[in-house]
Amino acid sequence: MHAHKQEFKRLVELMGWSKSGAARRLCKTPSAINHLLNPDHPNKPTGTTMELLRHIMAQEGPDQIVGQTNEMKDARTGVKPSATQFSLREQKTIEGLKKLSVKDQEVVYSVVNALLRASRKGRKVGKIF
């Protein structure tokens, strides 16, 4: 099994997430999560997915994170990833999201992901407010 797949599986299990729970938290389909957990499937988690998973772990279960998780090295480069530093604006956004119901969070995630996809494709997303 690819190193990223092994690490992904280990972290999902460490958090005690079901496939559907991991899919919801990582904004993926249950099928996509199944592919990432299946050692025989060629799909492997992206660096962005791994970073998101680590960030969620730090927010939802800091007691779950042990020294070895913090000391992980990137399987390709052998270098420890740097800690993600969030701006004050990003921190306030995250705190605001945490105050929403799970249902409302899913709506916000859907809108944000649609805007991100549009902007990556070079489309103007315009001003919201």
Protein backbone atom coordinates (compact mmCIF):
# COMPACT_ATOMS: atom_id res chain seq x y z
CA MET A 1 0.00 0.00 0.00
CA HIS A 2 1.25 3.49 -0.87
CA ALA A 3 2.62 5.46 2.10
CA HIS A 4 0.02 8.24 1.74
CA LYS A 5 -2.79 5.67 1.70
CA GLN A 6 -1.39 4.00 4.82
CA GLU A 7 -1.13 7.32 6.64
CA PHE A 8 -4.62 8.36 5.52
CA LYS A 9 -6.08 5.08 6.78
CA ARG A 10 -4.20 5.36 10.09
CA LEU A 11 -5.42 8.91 10.73
CA VAL A 12 -9.04 8.13 9.83
CA GLU A 13 -8.96 5.14 12.19
CA LEU A 14 -7.28 7.24 14.89
CA MET A 15 -10.17 9.68 14.72
CA GLY A 16 -12.68 6.80 14.84
CA TRP A 17 -14.48 8.03 11.73
CA SER A 18 -16.70 5.87 9.56
CA LYS A 19 -16.27 6.16 5.79
CA SER A 20 -19.33 8.39 5.56
CA GLY A 21 -18.09 10.50 8.49
CA ALA A 22 -14.69 10.95 6.85
CA ALA A 23 -16.40 11.81 3.56
CA ARG A 24 -18.54 14.48 5.22
CA ARG A 25 -15.64 16.06 7.08
CA LEU A 26 -13.27 16.00 4.09
CA CYS A 27 -15.90 17.16 1.55
CA LYS A 28 -15.60 13.97 -0.48
CA THR A 29 -18.03 11.26 -1.49
CA PRO A 30 -18.13 8.00 0.47
CA SER A 31 -17.02 6.30 -2.75
CA ALA A 32 -13.93 8.53 -2.94
CA ILE A 33 -13.07 7.71 0.68
CA ASN A 34 -13.53 4.02 -0.07
CA HIS A 35 -11.06 4.35 -2.96
CA LEU A 36 -8.53 6.07 -0.71
CA LEU A 37 -8.84 3.35 1.94
CA ASN A 38 -8.75 0.45 -0.54
CA PRO A 39 -5.13 -0.72 -0.87
CA ASP A 40 -5.82 -2.13 -4.35
CA HIS A 41 -7.32 1.08 -5.79
CA PRO A 42 -4.87 3.40 -7.59
CA ASN A 43 -6.28 6.65 -6.11
CA LYS A 44 -4.25 8.07 -3.27
CA PRO A 45 -4.92 11.09 -1.06
CA THR A 46 -3.58 14.42 -2.25
CA GLY A 47 -1.39 16.62 -0.11
CA THR A 48 -4.35 18.97 0.30
CA THR A 49 -6.56 16.16 1.60
CA MET A 50 -3.87 15.08 4.05
CA GLU A 51 -3.38 18.66 5.27
CA LEU A 52 -7.14 19.10 5.72
CA LEU A 53 -7.32 15.82 7.63
CA ARG A 54 -4.49 16.90 9.94
CA HIS A 55 -6.11 20.29 10.48
CA ILE A 56 -9.47 18.73 11.37
CA MET A 57 -7.70 16.37 13.74
CA ALA A 58 -6.05 19.30 15.47
CA GLN A 59 -9.41 21.05 15.82
CA GLU A 60 -11.65 18.11 16.73
CA GLY A 61 -9.34 15.78 18.58
CA PRO A 62 -6.11 17.37 19.74
CA ASP A 63 -5.86 14.68 22.41
CA GLN A 64 -5.77 12.09 19.59
CA ILE A 65 -2.60 13.58 18.13
CA VAL A 66 0.52 11.95 19.46
CA GLY A 67 4.15 12.84 18.90
CA GLN A 68 4.49 10.55 15.93
CA THR A 69 1.71 12.36 14.07
CA ASN A 70 3.38 15.71 14.63
CA GLU A 71 6.71 14.23 13.57
CA MET A 72 5.45 12.73 10.29
CA LYS A 73 7.54 13.29 7.21
CA ASP A 74 6.32 13.73 3.68
CA ALA A 75 6.68 10.32 2.04
CA ARG A 76 8.01 11.85 -1.20
CA THR A 77 10.54 14.33 0.20
CA GLY A 78 11.34 12.97 3.67
CA VAL A 79 10.82 16.49 5.05
CA LYS A 80 8.54 17.29 7.96
CA PRO A 81 5.56 19.38 6.85
CA SER A 82 5.41 22.86 8.33
CA ALA A 83 2.62 23.67 10.73
CA THR A 84 -0.28 25.47 9.10
CA GLN A 85 -0.50 29.04 10.29
CA PHE A 86 -3.90 30.65 9.93
CA SER A 87 -4.43 34.37 9.64
CA LEU A 88 -6.76 36.09 12.08
CA ARG A 89 -9.36 36.26 9.31
CA GLU A 90 -9.11 32.50 8.71
CA GLN A 91 -9.30 31.77 12.44
CA LYS A 92 -12.46 33.88 12.76
CA THR A 93 -14.00 32.10 9.77
CA ILE A 94 -13.27 28.68 11.27
CA GLU A 95 -14.70 29.73 14.64
CA GLY A 96 -17.82 31.03 12.90
CA LEU A 97 -18.25 27.74 11.04
CA LYS A 98 -17.96 25.79 14.28
CA LYS A 99 -20.92 27.72 15.69
CA LEU A 100 -23.19 26.61 12.82
CA SER A 101 -25.28 23.46 12.85
CA VAL A 102 -23.85 20.52 10.91
CA LYS A 103 -26.54 21.04 8.26
CA ASP A 104 -25.65 24.72 7.85
CA GLN A 105 -21.94 23.86 7.77
CA GLU A 106 -22.57 21.51 4.83
CA VAL A 107 -24.35 24.31 2.95
CA VAL A 108 -21.45 26.70 3.56
CA TYR A 109 -18.90 24.06 2.52
CA SER A 110 -20.83 23.42 -0.69
CA VAL A 111 -20.91 27.11 -1.58
CA VAL A 112 -17.23 27.66 -0.76
CA ASN A 113 -16.18 24.57 -2.74
CA ALA A 114 -18.24 25.73 -5.74
CA LEU A 115 -16.55 29.14 -5.58
CA LEU A 116 -13.11 27.54 -5.31
CA ARG A 117 -13.78 25.25 -8.28
CA ALA A 118 -15.00 28.19 -10.35
CA SER A 119 -11.99 30.32 -9.48
CA ARG A 120 -9.55 27.46 -10.29
CA LYS A 121 -11.15 27.20 -13.72
CA GLY A 122 -10.48 30.89 -14.28
CA ARG A 123 -14.07 32.00 -13.93
CA LYS A 124 -14.87 35.26 -12.22
CA VAL A 125 -16.86 34.56 -9.10
CA GLY A 126 -17.69 38.22 -8.54
CA LYS A 127 -18.44 39.97 -5.31
CA ILE A 128 -20.82 38.25 -2.94
CA PHE A 129 -21.51 41.28 -0.79
